[in-house]
Amino acid sequence: MIVLHGHESRRRHQSDDRAQGSAGQSFAAFIVGGMKLDLTGEANDYVGKGMAGGEVVIRPPPGSRFAAEDASLVGNTCLYGATGGRLFVNGRAGAARFAPASQHDSSGLGVDGTQN
């Protein structure tokens, strides 16, 4: 993204990609400003690993028979080494190491939600 559009792309979305289903490990790893990834489904561990910018949205499928607030939609160790960007998950994350070694705002997480 930076090579194609330069650093100005960080100010607006240049790439808006949507996916459905189960994303494997490291979904949205190393994304930069100007990118938006929108997943309807769930993702494994390391969502947003090394994220430098951009936006990631993960939500349950419409008509799901479970309550989003009770379901784990992302695995462990999300945002590992992330330095920028935004992650929105309409559901729970795995129990271990959410946003380790990052400076992200972890509003809404419990006491053990982050590890620095």
N, C-alpha and C. Protein backbone atom coordinates (compact mmCIF):
# COMPACT_ATOMS: atom_id res chain seq x y z
N MET A 1 0.82 -1.18 0.00
CA MET A 1 0.00 0.00 0.00
C MET A 1 0.87 1.25 0.00
N ILE A 2 1.87 1.29 0.86
CA ILE A 2 2.74 2.47 0.93
C ILE A 2 3.50 2.66 -0.38
N VAL A 3 3.99 1.57 -0.97
CA VAL A 3 4.73 1.65 -2.23
C VAL A 3 3.84 2.18 -3.34
N LEU A 4 2.59 1.70 -3.40
CA LEU A 4 1.67 2.12 -4.47
C LEU A 4 1.14 3.53 -4.28
N HIS A 5 0.81 3.90 -3.05
CA HIS A 5 0.10 5.16 -2.82
C HIS A 5 0.84 6.15 -1.92
N GLY A 6 2.00 5.79 -1.42
CA GLY A 6 2.76 6.68 -0.56
C GLY A 6 2.15 6.79 0.82
N HIS A 7 2.78 7.54 1.67
CA HIS A 7 2.33 7.68 3.05
C HIS A 7 1.01 8.43 3.17
N GLU A 8 0.60 9.14 2.13
CA GLU A 8 -0.69 9.85 2.17
C GLU A 8 -1.85 8.88 2.26
N SER A 9 -1.65 7.63 1.84
CA SER A 9 -2.74 6.66 1.90
C SER A 9 -3.17 6.39 3.33
N ARG A 10 -2.35 6.73 4.28
CA ARG A 10 -2.70 6.51 5.68
C ARG A 10 -3.87 7.39 6.12
N ARG A 11 -4.17 8.41 5.34
CA ARG A 11 -5.24 9.34 5.72
C ARG A 11 -6.62 8.89 5.25
N ARG A 12 -6.69 7.98 4.31
CA ARG A 12 -7.98 7.51 3.81
C ARG A 12 -7.84 6.05 3.37
N HIS A 13 -8.95 5.38 3.31
CA HIS A 13 -8.91 3.97 2.90
C HIS A 13 -8.71 3.87 1.39
N GLN A 14 -7.70 3.17 0.99
CA GLN A 14 -7.45 2.88 -0.42
C GLN A 14 -7.89 1.47 -0.77
N SER A 15 -7.93 0.61 0.22
CA SER A 15 -8.28 -0.79 0.03
C SER A 15 -9.32 -1.18 1.07
N ASP A 16 -10.47 -1.64 0.61
CA ASP A 16 -11.55 -2.04 1.51
C ASP A 16 -11.96 -3.45 1.11
N ASP A 17 -11.46 -4.45 1.84
CA ASP A 17 -11.67 -5.84 1.48
C ASP A 17 -12.60 -6.51 2.48
N ARG A 18 -13.50 -7.33 1.98
CA ARG A 18 -14.46 -8.06 2.81
C ARG A 18 -14.29 -9.55 2.59
N ALA A 19 -14.43 -10.31 3.68
CA ALA A 19 -14.30 -11.77 3.61
C ALA A 19 -15.34 -12.40 4.52
N GLN A 20 -15.67 -13.66 4.23
CA GLN A 20 -16.60 -14.41 5.05
C GLN A 20 -15.99 -15.76 5.38
N GLY A 21 -16.28 -16.27 6.59
CA GLY A 21 -15.85 -17.61 6.95
C GLY A 21 -14.83 -17.61 8.07
N SER A 22 -13.99 -18.62 8.07
CA SER A 22 -12.96 -18.80 9.11
C SER A 22 -11.61 -18.37 8.58
N ALA A 23 -11.05 -17.35 9.17
CA ALA A 23 -9.72 -16.90 8.77
C ALA A 23 -8.70 -17.68 9.59
N GLY A 24 -7.61 -18.03 9.00
CA GLY A 24 -6.58 -18.78 9.70
C GLY A 24 -5.77 -17.90 10.63
N GLN A 25 -4.63 -18.41 10.98
CA GLN A 25 -3.74 -17.70 11.88
C GLN A 25 -3.18 -16.45 11.20
N SER A 26 -2.97 -15.40 11.97
CA SER A 26 -2.36 -14.14 11.52
C SER A 26 -3.21 -13.37 10.52
N PHE A 27 -4.53 -13.42 10.64
CA PHE A 27 -5.39 -12.60 9.79
C PHE A 27 -5.05 -11.13 10.02
N ALA A 28 -4.91 -10.39 8.96
CA ALA A 28 -4.61 -8.95 9.00
C ALA A 28 -3.22 -8.64 9.57
N ALA A 29 -2.30 -9.57 9.46
CA ALA A 29 -0.93 -9.30 9.93
C ALA A 29 -0.26 -8.27 9.03
N PHE A 30 0.45 -7.36 9.64
CA PHE A 30 1.30 -6.37 8.98
C PHE A 30 0.54 -5.40 8.07
N ILE A 31 -0.75 -5.15 8.34
CA ILE A 31 -1.44 -4.18 7.48
C ILE A 31 -1.00 -2.77 7.84
N VAL A 32 -1.17 -1.89 6.89
CA VAL A 32 -0.73 -0.50 7.03
C VAL A 32 -1.91 0.44 6.82
N GLY A 33 -1.68 1.71 7.08
CA GLY A 33 -2.70 2.72 6.86
C GLY A 33 -3.24 2.67 5.45
N GLY A 34 -4.53 2.94 5.32
CA GLY A 34 -5.17 2.90 4.02
C GLY A 34 -5.86 1.58 3.73
N MET A 35 -5.62 0.58 4.55
CA MET A 35 -6.24 -0.72 4.34
C MET A 35 -7.36 -0.93 5.36
N LYS A 36 -8.45 -1.57 4.91
CA LYS A 36 -9.53 -1.97 5.81
C LYS A 36 -9.88 -3.41 5.45
N LEU A 37 -9.87 -4.27 6.46
CA LEU A 37 -10.27 -5.67 6.29
C LEU A 37 -11.49 -5.92 7.15
N ASP A 38 -12.55 -6.42 6.55
CA ASP A 38 -13.82 -6.65 7.24
C ASP A 38 -14.16 -8.13 7.10
N LEU A 39 -14.14 -8.86 8.21
CA LEU A 39 -14.39 -10.29 8.22
C LEU A 39 -15.70 -10.60 8.92
N THR A 40 -16.57 -11.32 8.24
CA THR A 40 -17.78 -11.86 8.86
C THR A 40 -17.49 -13.33 9.11
N GLY A 41 -17.26 -13.67 10.36
CA GLY A 41 -16.88 -15.03 10.72
C GLY A 41 -16.01 -15.00 11.96
N GLU A 42 -14.93 -15.81 11.96
CA GLU A 42 -14.01 -15.81 13.09
C GLU A 42 -12.59 -15.97 12.58
N ALA A 43 -11.63 -15.67 13.45
CA ALA A 43 -10.22 -15.76 13.09
C ALA A 43 -9.44 -16.45 14.20
N ASN A 44 -8.34 -17.05 13.84
CA ASN A 44 -7.49 -17.76 14.79
C ASN A 44 -6.58 -16.78 15.55
N ASP A 45 -5.50 -17.31 16.11
CA ASP A 45 -4.54 -16.51 16.88
C ASP A 45 -3.81 -15.49 16.01
N TYR A 46 -3.22 -14.51 16.66
CA TYR A 46 -2.35 -13.49 16.07
C TYR A 46 -3.07 -12.54 15.10
N VAL A 47 -4.34 -12.26 15.30
CA VAL A 47 -5.03 -11.26 14.49
C VAL A 47 -4.31 -9.93 14.65
N GLY A 48 -4.02 -9.25 13.56
CA GLY A 48 -3.39 -7.94 13.60
C GLY A 48 -1.93 -7.94 14.03
N LYS A 49 -1.26 -9.06 13.92
CA LYS A 49 0.16 -9.13 14.31
C LYS A 49 0.97 -8.11 13.51
N GLY A 50 1.75 -7.32 14.20
CA GLY A 50 2.60 -6.33 13.53
C GLY A 50 1.84 -5.22 12.81
N MET A 51 0.60 -5.03 13.15
CA MET A 51 -0.24 -4.02 12.51
C MET A 51 0.38 -2.64 12.68
N ALA A 52 0.52 -1.91 11.57
CA ALA A 52 1.09 -0.57 11.63
C ALA A 52 0.06 0.51 11.38
N GLY A 53 -1.11 0.15 10.93
CA GLY A 53 -2.17 1.09 10.62
C GLY A 53 -3.35 0.35 10.06
N GLY A 54 -4.29 1.07 9.51
CA GLY A 54 -5.46 0.44 8.90
C GLY A 54 -6.53 0.11 9.93
N GLU A 55 -7.49 -0.67 9.46
CA GLU A 55 -8.63 -1.01 10.30
C GLU A 55 -9.05 -2.44 10.03
N VAL A 56 -9.35 -3.17 11.11
CA VAL A 56 -9.81 -4.55 11.01
C VAL A 56 -11.13 -4.65 11.77
N VAL A 57 -12.14 -5.24 11.12
CA VAL A 57 -13.45 -5.44 11.73
C VAL A 57 -13.77 -6.93 11.64
N ILE A 58 -14.14 -7.53 12.77
CA ILE A 58 -14.53 -8.94 12.80
C ILE A 58 -15.86 -9.04 13.53
N ARG A 59 -16.82 -9.66 12.86
CA ARG A 59 -18.17 -9.75 13.40
C ARG A 59 -18.74 -11.14 13.12
N PRO A 60 -19.71 -11.57 13.94
CA PRO A 60 -20.33 -12.87 13.69
C PRO A 60 -21.22 -12.80 12.45
N PRO A 61 -21.48 -13.95 11.84
CA PRO A 61 -22.38 -13.95 10.69
C PRO A 61 -23.80 -13.52 11.08
N PRO A 62 -24.52 -12.87 10.19
CA PRO A 62 -25.90 -12.51 10.50
C PRO A 62 -26.72 -13.77 10.75
N GLY A 63 -27.63 -13.70 11.68
CA GLY A 63 -28.47 -14.84 11.98
C GLY A 63 -27.80 -15.92 12.81
N SER A 64 -26.64 -15.61 13.39
CA SER A 64 -25.95 -16.59 14.24
C SER A 64 -26.84 -16.99 15.40
N ARG A 65 -26.73 -18.25 15.81
CA ARG A 65 -27.57 -18.74 16.91
C ARG A 65 -26.90 -18.54 18.27
N PHE A 66 -25.84 -17.76 18.32
CA PHE A 66 -25.16 -17.49 19.58
C PHE A 66 -25.10 -15.99 19.81
N ALA A 67 -24.98 -15.61 21.05
CA ALA A 67 -24.83 -14.19 21.39
C ALA A 67 -23.38 -13.78 21.18
N ALA A 68 -23.16 -12.72 20.42
CA ALA A 68 -21.80 -12.28 20.11
C ALA A 68 -20.96 -12.05 21.36
N GLU A 69 -21.58 -11.52 22.40
CA GLU A 69 -20.81 -11.22 23.61
C GLU A 69 -20.36 -12.48 24.35
N ASP A 70 -20.89 -13.62 23.99
CA ASP A 70 -20.50 -14.88 24.64
C ASP A 70 -19.58 -15.74 23.78
N ALA A 71 -19.34 -15.34 22.55
CA ALA A 71 -18.58 -16.17 21.61
C ALA A 71 -17.17 -15.61 21.37
N SER A 72 -16.20 -16.50 21.31
CA SER A 72 -14.83 -16.09 20.94
C SER A 72 -14.74 -16.01 19.43
N LEU A 73 -14.51 -14.81 18.92
CA LEU A 73 -14.39 -14.63 17.47
C LEU A 73 -12.94 -14.47 17.03
N VAL A 74 -12.04 -14.21 17.96
CA VAL A 74 -10.61 -14.16 17.65
C VAL A 74 -9.87 -14.99 18.70
N GLY A 75 -8.72 -15.51 18.31
CA GLY A 75 -7.95 -16.36 19.20
C GLY A 75 -7.05 -15.57 20.14
N ASN A 76 -5.97 -16.20 20.53
CA ASN A 76 -5.01 -15.61 21.47
C ASN A 76 -4.00 -14.70 20.77
N THR A 77 -3.33 -13.92 21.56
CA THR A 77 -2.20 -13.09 21.14
C THR A 77 -2.56 -12.17 19.97
N CYS A 78 -3.69 -11.50 20.06
CA CYS A 78 -4.07 -10.51 19.05
C CYS A 78 -3.23 -9.26 19.22
N LEU A 79 -2.95 -8.59 18.13
CA LEU A 79 -2.20 -7.33 18.09
C LEU A 79 -0.76 -7.46 18.61
N TYR A 80 -0.17 -8.63 18.51
CA TYR A 80 1.21 -8.84 18.96
C TYR A 80 2.14 -7.92 18.17
N GLY A 81 2.84 -7.05 18.85
CA GLY A 81 3.79 -6.14 18.22
C GLY A 81 3.16 -5.03 17.40
N ALA A 82 1.86 -4.83 17.50
CA ALA A 82 1.19 -3.78 16.73
C ALA A 82 1.60 -2.40 17.23
N THR A 83 1.73 -1.47 16.30
CA THR A 83 2.10 -0.10 16.64
C THR A 83 1.08 0.93 16.19
N GLY A 84 0.07 0.51 15.47
CA GLY A 84 -0.94 1.45 14.99
C GLY A 84 -2.15 0.71 14.46
N GLY A 85 -3.13 1.47 14.01
CA GLY A 85 -4.34 0.90 13.45
C GLY A 85 -5.43 0.70 14.49
N ARG A 86 -6.55 0.13 14.02
CA ARG A 86 -7.70 -0.06 14.89
C ARG A 86 -8.29 -1.45 14.65
N LEU A 87 -8.65 -2.12 15.74
CA LEU A 87 -9.27 -3.44 15.68
C LEU A 87 -10.62 -3.39 16.39
N PHE A 88 -11.66 -3.83 15.69
CA PHE A 88 -13.01 -3.90 16.25
C PHE A 88 -13.48 -5.34 16.16
N VAL A 89 -13.79 -5.95 17.29
CA VAL A 89 -14.28 -7.33 17.33
C VAL A 89 -15.61 -7.34 18.07
N ASN A 90 -16.64 -7.81 17.40
CA ASN A 90 -17.95 -7.94 18.04
C ASN A 90 -18.06 -9.34 18.62
N GLY A 91 -17.36 -9.56 19.70
CA GLY A 91 -17.32 -10.86 20.37
C GLY A 91 -16.13 -10.88 21.31
N ARG A 92 -15.80 -12.06 21.79
CA ARG A 92 -14.70 -12.23 22.74
C ARG A 92 -13.41 -12.61 22.03
N ALA A 93 -12.31 -12.41 22.76
CA ALA A 93 -11.00 -12.84 22.29
C ALA A 93 -10.55 -14.01 23.17
N GLY A 94 -9.58 -14.79 22.66
CA GLY A 94 -9.01 -15.86 23.45
C GLY A 94 -8.49 -15.33 24.78
N ALA A 95 -8.26 -16.20 25.70
CA ALA A 95 -7.95 -15.81 27.07
C ALA A 95 -6.52 -15.32 27.28
N ALA A 96 -5.63 -15.55 26.36
CA ALA A 96 -4.22 -15.26 26.62
C ALA A 96 -3.67 -14.13 25.76
N ARG A 97 -3.00 -13.19 26.40
CA ARG A 97 -2.14 -12.19 25.76
C ARG A 97 -2.81 -11.35 24.68
N PHE A 98 -3.79 -10.57 25.05
CA PHE A 98 -4.40 -9.64 24.11
C PHE A 98 -3.58 -8.36 24.10
N ALA A 99 -3.12 -7.94 22.95
CA ALA A 99 -2.32 -6.73 22.76
C ALA A 99 -1.02 -6.73 23.57
N PRO A 100 -0.24 -7.82 23.53
CA PRO A 100 1.03 -7.81 24.26
C PRO A 100 2.03 -6.86 23.61
N ALA A 101 2.77 -6.18 24.41
CA ALA A 101 3.84 -5.29 23.96
C ALA A 101 3.36 -4.24 22.96
N SER A 102 2.15 -3.73 23.16
CA SER A 102 1.66 -2.66 22.29
C SER A 102 1.16 -1.53 23.15
N GLN A 103 0.87 -0.43 22.53
CA GLN A 103 0.37 0.74 23.24
C GLN A 103 -1.09 0.99 22.94
N HIS A 104 -1.83 -0.05 22.54
CA HIS A 104 -3.21 0.12 22.14
C HIS A 104 -4.12 0.39 23.33
N ASP A 105 -5.16 1.15 23.06
CA ASP A 105 -6.22 1.37 24.03
C ASP A 105 -7.01 0.07 24.12
N SER A 106 -7.06 -0.50 25.29
CA SER A 106 -7.75 -1.78 25.46
C SER A 106 -9.03 -1.59 26.27
N SER A 107 -9.77 -0.54 25.92
CA SER A 107 -11.02 -0.24 26.63
C SER A 107 -11.95 -1.44 26.58
N GLY A 108 -12.57 -1.74 27.69
CA GLY A 108 -13.53 -2.80 27.75
C GLY A 108 -12.95 -4.15 28.11
N LEU A 109 -11.64 -4.24 28.28
CA LEU A 109 -11.02 -5.50 28.66
C LEU A 109 -10.95 -5.62 30.17
N GLY A 110 -10.86 -6.84 30.63
CA GLY A 110 -10.73 -7.08 32.06
C GLY A 110 -9.34 -6.74 32.56
N VAL A 111 -9.11 -6.96 33.82
CA VAL A 111 -7.84 -6.63 34.48
C VAL A 111 -6.65 -7.30 33.79
N ASP A 112 -6.81 -8.53 33.36
CA ASP A 112 -5.71 -9.25 32.74
C ASP A 112 -5.74 -9.20 31.22
N GLY A 113 -6.45 -8.24 30.64
CA GLY A 113 -6.60 -8.17 29.19
C GLY A 113 -5.33 -7.87 28.43
N THR A 114 -4.43 -7.09 29.01
CA THR A 114 -3.22 -6.75 28.27
C THR A 114 -2.00 -7.22 29.04
N GLN A 115 -0.94 -7.41 28.29
CA GLN A 115 0.33 -7.80 28.89
C GLN A 115 1.40 -6.92 28.30
N ASN A 116 2.10 -6.17 29.11
CA ASN A 116 3.18 -5.30 28.63
C ASN A 116 4.49 -5.69 29.27
